[in-house]
PDB file of all heavy atoms in Angstrom:
ATOM      1  N   VAL A   1    -143.755 185.639  -4.976  1.00  0.00           N
ATOM      2  CA  VAL A   1    -142.354 185.664  -4.636  1.00  0.00           C
ATOM      3  C   VAL A   1    -142.047 187.124  -4.484  1.00  0.00           C
ATOM      4  O   VAL A   1    -142.381 187.870  -5.271  1.00  0.00           O
ATOM      5  CB  VAL A   1    -141.446 185.041  -5.822  1.00  0.00           C
ATOM      6  CG1 VAL A   1    -140.043 185.192  -5.524  1.00  0.00           C
ATOM      7  CG2 VAL A   1    -141.892 183.591  -5.997  1.00  0.00           C
ATOM      8  N   LEU A   2    -141.393 187.396  -3.409  1.00  0.00           N
ATOM      9  CA  LEU A   2    -141.017 188.751  -3.108  1.00  0.00           C
ATOM     10  C   LEU A   2    -139.469 188.949  -3.146  1.00  0.00           C
ATOM     11  O   LEU A   2    -138.773 188.001  -2.747  1.00  0.00           O
ATOM     12  CB  LEU A   2    -141.463 189.250  -1.670  1.00  0.00           C
ATOM     13  CG  LEU A   2    -142.983 189.104  -1.360  1.00  0.00           C
ATOM     14  CD1 LEU A   2    -143.144 189.480   0.077  1.00  0.00           C
ATOM     15  CD2 LEU A   2    -143.739 189.886  -2.286  1.00  0.00           C
ATOM     16  N   LYS A   3    -138.940 190.008  -3.744  1.00  0.00           N
ATOM     17  CA  LYS A   3    -137.567 190.286  -3.820  1.00  0.00           C
ATOM     18  C   LYS A   3    -137.257 191.631  -3.135  1.00  0.00           C
ATOM     19  O   LYS A   3    -137.842 192.608  -3.468  1.00  0.00           O
ATOM     20  CB  LYS A   3    -137.116 190.212  -5.281  1.00  0.00           C
ATOM     21  CG  LYS A   3    -135.572 190.294  -5.391  1.00  0.00           C
ATOM     22  CD  LYS A   3    -135.124 190.048  -6.764  1.00  0.00           C
ATOM     23  CE  LYS A   3    -133.683 190.060  -6.925  1.00  0.00           C
ATOM     24  NZ  LYS A   3    -132.849 190.983  -6.152  1.00  0.00           N
ATOM     25  N   THR A   4    -136.344 191.669  -2.280  1.00  0.00           N
ATOM     26  CA  THR A   4    -135.861 192.796  -1.643  1.00  0.00           C
ATOM     27  C   THR A   4    -134.400 192.996  -2.189  1.00  0.00           C
ATOM     28  O   THR A   4    -133.962 192.358  -3.057  1.00  0.00           O
ATOM     29  CB  THR A   4    -135.769 192.682  -0.181  1.00  0.00           C
ATOM     30  OG1 THR A   4    -134.770 191.721   0.286  1.00  0.00           O
ATOM     31  CG2 THR A   4    -137.067 192.288   0.423  1.00  0.00           C
ATOM     32  N   GLU A   5    -133.691 193.996  -1.613  1.00  0.00           N
ATOM     33  CA  GLU A   5    -132.288 194.335  -2.101  1.00  0.00           C
ATOM     34  C   GLU A   5    -131.382 193.093  -2.036  1.00  0.00           C
ATOM     35  O   GLU A   5    -130.698 192.806  -2.940  1.00  0.00           O
ATOM     36  CB  GLU A   5    -131.703 195.415  -1.184  1.00  0.00           C
ATOM     37  CG  GLU A   5    -130.382 195.912  -1.785  1.00  0.00           C
ATOM     38  CD  GLU A   5    -129.825 197.054  -0.900  1.00  0.00           C
ATOM     39  OE1 GLU A   5    -130.609 197.828  -0.340  1.00  0.00           O
ATOM     40  OE2 GLU A   5    -128.594 197.162  -0.799  1.00  0.00           O
ATOM     41  N   ARG A   6    -131.474 192.332  -0.943  1.00  0.00           N
ATOM     42  CA  ARG A   6    -130.646 191.190  -0.793  1.00  0.00           C
ATOM     43  C   ARG A   6    -131.339 189.829  -0.701  1.00  0.00           C
ATOM     44  O   ARG A   6    -130.704 188.782  -0.732  1.00  0.00           O
ATOM     45  CB  ARG A   6    -129.794 191.375   0.520  1.00  0.00           C
ATOM     46  CG  ARG A   6    -128.970 192.577   0.546  1.00  0.00           C
ATOM     47  CD  ARG A   6    -128.223 192.675   1.914  1.00  0.00           C
ATOM     48  NE  ARG A   6    -129.171 192.847   3.035  1.00  0.00           N
ATOM     49  CZ  ARG A   6    -128.956 192.769   4.292  1.00  0.00           C
ATOM     50  NH1 ARG A   6    -127.697 192.427   4.682  1.00  0.00           N
ATOM     51  NH2 ARG A   6    -129.804 192.926   5.204  1.00  0.00           N
ATOM     52  N   LEU A   7    -132.646 189.799  -0.541  1.00  0.00           N
ATOM     53  CA  LEU A   7    -133.391 188.574  -0.222  1.00  0.00           C
ATOM     54  C   LEU A   7    -134.399 188.220  -1.239  1.00  0.00           C
ATOM     55  O   LEU A   7    -134.910 189.037  -1.904  1.00  0.00           O
ATOM     56  CB  LEU A   7    -134.029 188.778   1.136  1.00  0.00           C
ATOM     57  CG  LEU A   7    -133.138 189.138   2.298  1.00  0.00           C
ATOM     58  CD1 LEU A   7    -134.008 189.380   3.553  1.00  0.00           C
ATOM     59  CD2 LEU A   7    -132.171 188.091   2.652  1.00  0.00           C
ATOM     60  N   ILE A   8    -134.698 186.836  -1.247  1.00  0.00           N
ATOM     61  CA  ILE A   8    -135.858 186.369  -1.952  1.00  0.00           C
ATOM     62  C   ILE A   8    -136.722 185.674  -1.062  1.00  0.00           C
ATOM     63  O   ILE A   8    -136.244 184.851  -0.321  1.00  0.00           O
ATOM     64  CB  ILE A   8    -135.454 185.375  -3.126  1.00  0.00           C
ATOM     65  CG1 ILE A   8    -134.625 186.164  -4.175  1.00  0.00           C
ATOM     66  CG2 ILE A   8    -136.610 184.732  -3.788  1.00  0.00           C
ATOM     67  CD1 ILE A   8    -133.993 185.250  -5.203  1.00  0.00           C
ATOM     68  N   LEU A   9    -138.006 185.968  -0.953  1.00  0.00           N
ATOM     69  CA  LEU A   9    -138.987 185.366  -0.138  1.00  0.00           C
ATOM     70  C   LEU A   9    -140.039 184.602  -0.916  1.00  0.00           C
ATOM     71  O   LEU A   9    -140.532 185.163  -1.830  1.00  0.00           O
ATOM     72  CB  LEU A   9    -139.722 186.464   0.715  1.00  0.00           C
ATOM     73  CG  LEU A   9    -138.892 187.064   1.776  1.00  0.00           C
ATOM     74  CD1 LEU A   9    -138.149 188.254   1.210  1.00  0.00           C
ATOM     75  CD2 LEU A   9    -139.769 187.635   2.835  1.00  0.00           C
ATOM     76  N   ARG A  10    -140.077 183.314  -0.669  1.00  0.00           N
ATOM     77  CA  ARG A  10    -141.065 182.464  -1.450  1.00  0.00           C
ATOM     78  C   ARG A  10    -141.750 181.532  -0.507  1.00  0.00           C
ATOM     79  O   ARG A  10    -141.338 181.255   0.618  1.00  0.00           O
ATOM     80  CB  ARG A  10    -140.269 181.793  -2.577  1.00  0.00           C
ATOM     81  CG  ARG A  10    -139.239 180.858  -2.010  1.00  0.00           C
ATOM     82  CD  ARG A  10    -138.618 179.972  -2.967  1.00  0.00           C
ATOM     83  NE  ARG A  10    -137.427 179.209  -2.545  1.00  0.00           N
ATOM     84  CZ  ARG A  10    -137.555 178.158  -1.702  1.00  0.00           C
ATOM     85  NH1 ARG A  10    -138.724 177.737  -1.283  1.00  0.00           N
ATOM     86  NH2 ARG A  10    -136.443 177.590  -1.336  1.00  0.00           N
ATOM     87  N   ALA A  11    -142.815 180.843  -1.091  1.00  0.00           N
ATOM     88  CA  ALA A  11    -143.483 179.818  -0.310  1.00  0.00           C
ATOM     89  C   ALA A  11    -142.507 178.648   0.004  1.00  0.00           C
ATOM     90  O   ALA A  11    -141.639 178.414  -0.883  1.00  0.00           O
ATOM     91  CB  ALA A  11    -144.698 179.350  -1.071  1.00  0.00           C
ATOM     92  N   PRO A  12    -142.631 177.998   1.116  1.00  0.00           N
ATOM     93  CA  PRO A  12    -141.729 176.846   1.427  1.00  0.00           C
ATOM     94  C   PRO A  12    -142.145 175.661   0.572  1.00  0.00           C
ATOM     95  O   PRO A  12    -143.212 175.374   0.248  1.00  0.00           O
ATOM     96  CB  PRO A  12    -142.055 176.537   2.892  1.00  0.00           C
ATOM     97  CG  PRO A  12    -143.337 177.122   3.170  1.00  0.00           C
ATOM     98  CD  PRO A  12    -143.540 178.306   2.168  1.00  0.00           C
ATOM     99  N   TRP A  13    -141.095 174.899   0.197  1.00  0.00           N
ATOM    100  CA  TRP A  13    -141.180 173.663  -0.554  1.00  0.00           C
ATOM    101  C   TRP A  13    -140.796 172.528   0.306  1.00  0.00           C
ATOM    102  O   TRP A  13    -139.969 172.709   1.259  1.00  0.00           O
ATOM    103  CB  TRP A  13    -140.332 173.631  -1.770  1.00  0.00           C
ATOM    104  CG  TRP A  13    -140.389 174.813  -2.771  1.00  0.00           C
ATOM    105  CD1 TRP A  13    -141.479 175.594  -3.023  1.00  0.00           C
ATOM    106  CD2 TRP A  13    -139.367 175.357  -3.517  1.00  0.00           C
ATOM    107  NE1 TRP A  13    -141.162 176.526  -3.977  1.00  0.00           N
ATOM    108  CE2 TRP A  13    -139.803 176.442  -4.304  1.00  0.00           C
ATOM    109  CE3 TRP A  13    -137.977 175.024  -3.688  1.00  0.00           C
ATOM    110  CZ2 TRP A  13    -139.079 177.192  -5.206  1.00  0.00           C
ATOM    111  CZ3 TRP A  13    -137.237 175.729  -4.553  1.00  0.00           C
ATOM    112  CH2 TRP A  13    -137.742 176.831  -5.312  1.00  0.00           C
ATOM    113  N   LEU A  14    -141.220 171.282  -0.099  1.00  0.00           N
ATOM    114  CA  LEU A  14    -140.750 170.148   0.680  1.00  0.00           C
ATOM    115  C   LEU A  14    -139.225 169.964   0.534  1.00  0.00           C
ATOM    116  O   LEU A  14    -138.575 169.350   1.354  1.00  0.00           O
ATOM    117  CB  LEU A  14    -141.534 168.926   0.211  1.00  0.00           C
ATOM    118  CG  LEU A  14    -142.993 168.786   0.789  1.00  0.00           C
ATOM    119  CD1 LEU A  14    -143.649 167.575   0.272  1.00  0.00           C
ATOM    120  CD2 LEU A  14    -142.883 168.775   2.324  1.00  0.00           C
ATOM    121  N   ALA A  15    -138.697 170.450  -0.562  1.00  0.00           N
ATOM    122  CA  ALA A  15    -137.256 170.386  -0.731  1.00  0.00           C
ATOM    123  C   ALA A  15    -136.461 171.191   0.271  1.00  0.00           C
ATOM    124  O   ALA A  15    -135.254 171.123   0.464  1.00  0.00           O
ATOM    125  CB  ALA A  15    -136.852 170.866  -2.241  1.00  0.00           C
ATOM    126  N   ASP A  16    -137.173 172.072   1.022  1.00  0.00           N
ATOM    127  CA  ASP A  16    -136.533 172.918   2.072  1.00  0.00           C
ATOM    128  C   ASP A  16    -136.498 172.261   3.387  1.00  0.00           C
ATOM    129  O   ASP A  16    -135.840 172.754   4.360  1.00  0.00           O
ATOM    130  CB  ASP A  16    -137.362 174.256   2.236  1.00  0.00           C
ATOM    131  CG  ASP A  16    -137.394 175.081   1.017  1.00  0.00           C
ATOM    132  OD1 ASP A  16    -136.403 175.166   0.257  1.00  0.00           O
ATOM    133  OD2 ASP A  16    -138.495 175.608   0.747  1.00  0.00           O
ATOM    134  N   VAL A  17    -137.005 171.121   3.518  1.00  0.00           N
ATOM    135  CA  VAL A  17    -137.155 170.367   4.879  1.00  0.00           C
ATOM    136  C   VAL A  17    -135.835 170.260   5.579  1.00  0.00           C
ATOM    137  O   VAL A  17    -135.695 170.592   6.754  1.00  0.00           O
ATOM    138  CB  VAL A  17    -137.845 169.013   4.606  1.00  0.00           C
ATOM    139  CG1 VAL A  17    -137.665 168.077   5.831  1.00  0.00           C
ATOM    140  CG2 VAL A  17    -139.297 169.209   4.425  1.00  0.00           C
ATOM    141  N   LYS A  18    -134.789 169.648   4.914  1.00  0.00           N
ATOM    142  CA  LYS A  18    -133.542 169.436   5.533  1.00  0.00           C
ATOM    143  C   LYS A  18    -132.901 170.702   6.004  1.00  0.00           C
ATOM    144  O   LYS A  18    -132.309 170.851   7.046  1.00  0.00           O
ATOM    145  CB  LYS A  18    -132.543 168.697   4.610  1.00  0.00           C
ATOM    146  CG  LYS A  18    -132.975 167.219   4.542  1.00  0.00           C
ATOM    147  CD  LYS A  18    -131.926 166.384   3.723  1.00  0.00           C
ATOM    148  CE  LYS A  18    -132.404 164.923   3.581  1.00  0.00           C
ATOM    149  NZ  LYS A  18    -131.605 164.231   2.692  1.00  0.00           N
ATOM    150  N   ALA A  19    -132.869 171.799   5.141  1.00  0.00           N
ATOM    151  CA  ALA A  19    -132.236 172.991   5.462  1.00  0.00           C
ATOM    152  C   ALA A  19    -132.985 173.610   6.678  1.00  0.00           C
ATOM    153  O   ALA A  19    -132.407 174.187   7.647  1.00  0.00           O
ATOM    154  CB  ALA A  19    -132.343 173.947   4.321  1.00  0.00           C
ATOM    155  N   MET A  20    -134.364 173.647   6.647  1.00  0.00           N
ATOM    156  CA  MET A  20    -135.025 174.203   7.751  1.00  0.00           C
ATOM    157  C   MET A  20    -134.866 173.470   9.036  1.00  0.00           C
ATOM    158  O   MET A  20    -134.711 174.079  10.070  1.00  0.00           O
ATOM    159  CB  MET A  20    -136.588 174.186   7.381  1.00  0.00           C
ATOM    160  CG  MET A  20    -136.971 175.252   6.351  1.00  0.00           C
ATOM    161  SD  MET A  20    -138.690 175.236   6.051  1.00  0.00           S
ATOM    162  CE  MET A  20    -139.420 175.669   7.633  1.00  0.00           C
ATOM    163  N   ALA A  21    -134.825 172.119   9.014  1.00  0.00           N
ATOM    164  CA  ALA A  21    -134.583 171.257  10.173  1.00  0.00           C
ATOM    165  C   ALA A  21    -133.175 171.594  10.791  1.00  0.00           C
ATOM    166  O   ALA A  21    -133.060 171.774  11.988  1.00  0.00           O
ATOM    167  CB  ALA A  21    -134.768 169.839   9.873  1.00  0.00           C
ATOM    168  N   SER A  22    -132.270 171.719   9.902  1.00  0.00           N
ATOM    169  CA  SER A  22    -130.849 172.026  10.320  1.00  0.00           C
ATOM    170  C   SER A  22    -130.826 173.372  10.971  1.00  0.00           C
ATOM    171  O   SER A  22    -130.194 173.533  12.049  1.00  0.00           O
ATOM    172  CB  SER A  22    -129.915 171.970   9.210  1.00  0.00           C
ATOM    173  OG  SER A  22    -128.600 172.322   9.548  1.00  0.00           O
ATOM    174  N   LEU A  23    -131.440 174.371  10.423  1.00  0.00           N
ATOM    175  CA  LEU A  23    -131.402 175.715  11.030  1.00  0.00           C
ATOM    176  C   LEU A  23    -132.162 175.853  12.410  1.00  0.00           C
ATOM    177  O   LEU A  23    -131.689 176.426  13.329  1.00  0.00           O
ATOM    178  CB  LEU A  23    -131.950 176.777  10.009  1.00  0.00           C
ATOM    179  CG  LEU A  23    -131.127 177.171   8.878  1.00  0.00           C
ATOM    180  CD1 LEU A  23    -131.914 178.105   7.948  1.00  0.00           C
ATOM    181  CD2 LEU A  23    -129.798 177.791   9.340  1.00  0.00           C
ATOM    182  N   ALA A  24    -133.392 175.286  12.333  1.00  0.00           N
ATOM    183  CA  ALA A  24    -134.318 175.400  13.523  1.00  0.00           C
ATOM    184  C   ALA A  24    -133.918 174.575  14.640  1.00  0.00           C
ATOM    185  O   ALA A  24    -134.443 174.739  15.795  1.00  0.00           O
ATOM    186  CB  ALA A  24    -135.749 175.272  13.048  1.00  0.00           C
ATOM    187  N   ASN A  25    -133.131 173.548  14.455  1.00  0.00           N
ATOM    188  CA  ASN A  25    -132.779 172.685  15.613  1.00  0.00           C
ATOM    189  C   ASN A  25    -131.649 173.370  16.400  1.00  0.00           C
ATOM    190  O   ASN A  25    -130.525 172.741  16.670  1.00  0.00           O
ATOM    191  CB  ASN A  25    -132.273 171.309  15.049  1.00  0.00           C
ATOM    192  CG  ASN A  25    -132.115 170.306  16.124  1.00  0.00           C
ATOM    193  OD1 ASN A  25    -132.765 170.340  17.161  1.00  0.00           O
ATOM    194  ND2 ASN A  25    -131.227 169.284  15.960  1.00  0.00           N
ATOM    195  N   ASP A  26    -131.997 174.566  16.881  1.00  0.00           N
ATOM    196  CA  ASP A  26    -131.043 175.311  17.691  1.00  0.00           C
ATOM    197  C   ASP A  26    -131.892 175.842  18.869  1.00  0.00           C
ATOM    198  O   ASP A  26    -132.858 176.609  18.694  1.00  0.00           O
ATOM    199  CB  ASP A  26    -130.520 176.428  16.843  1.00  0.00           C
ATOM    200  CG  ASP A  26    -129.460 177.259  17.623  1.00  0.00           C
ATOM    201  OD1 ASP A  26    -129.630 177.532  18.804  1.00  0.00           O
ATOM    202  OD2 ASP A  26    -128.595 177.855  16.856  1.00  0.00           O
TER     203      ASP A  26
END
């Protein structure tokens, strides 16, 4: 898990599926 000033970067989880699909369907 990486943390920057404003962000957290982590491995993707299956719980992220709906959010990712919503964002990437553009």
